[in-house]
Amino acid sequence: MGMTPTTITTKTDPVLISENHQEIAKEAFRTFIDDASFPCVAAKAALNRDQMKLFVAGHIACPKDDRQILEFIYDFVDSYRNAENHFHTACVIFPDAGGIDEMMFERLLWMRLQALSDLDGENYPYDQRVSPDPQSDQFSFSLKEEAFFVIGLNPASSRPARRFKYPAIVFNPHQQFEELRHLKRYDKMKNIVRKRDEALSGSINPMLQDFGASSEVYQYSGMQYDSSWECPFKPKHL
């Protein structure tokens, strides 16, 4: 006997819905970056040059997508390393994670980063160009021996520039900023972004520091920390 149309519909509909769900989340992120008020000109450049890679996962508290996220980042690293220009970024969006406040997002952000780092440590050492110690002023997050400056986005962020409608984690290759510094283009870009952020938010982000001035972990979640905060991240790379 052949398979009935009802059976086919039942099996294929969830896939179609899932694909539509993913595209809605991706388009929402592109719209967020493309908005005239969004301050990061580097992200806008990545979007306009089709150098922004997006992955849609489930809930930020759930580990079920970690290996897929890691493979997505690995593919992004390969693409970035073979590119000849700047402004590449990768973003993981978690549209199933609703109703999370800023403090909970901060905990879940570090939970996911820790889980990804633990899996990565099974395959690769830490990027030797940066420090794996989150207290070091030379720290950056590392996957596939590639250092990243991480930015967390969530609807409840205290910083307007971080208030994307879904929780998300953005991975920016650290080396491209070093290359921009070498070309003497970084300071100009940084000043533009900070002025735009101040215009949007009404104040300068108190957590902003240049790389090497203090650990960049204070900038990842978007929260404002006091001196008592200790980063929970502990890399286990050999």
Foldseek 3Di string as FASTA:
>chain_A
DDDDPVVVCVVCVVVVVVVVVFVVQVVLVLCLCPDPLQQQVLQVVCSVVVQEAEAEDEALQDCPCLVVVLVSVVVSVVVVVPDDDDRHKYKYFHANHPDDALVRLLVSVLVSLQVNLAVQLVPDFAQPQFDCDQFALRDFRGHPSFGWQKAWADCNAPQPSRRRPTTMIMTHGPVRLVVCVVVVNNVVSVVSSQVSSCVVRVDGQPQDDPRSPTRSVCRHSNDHDDPPDDRPHDRDHD
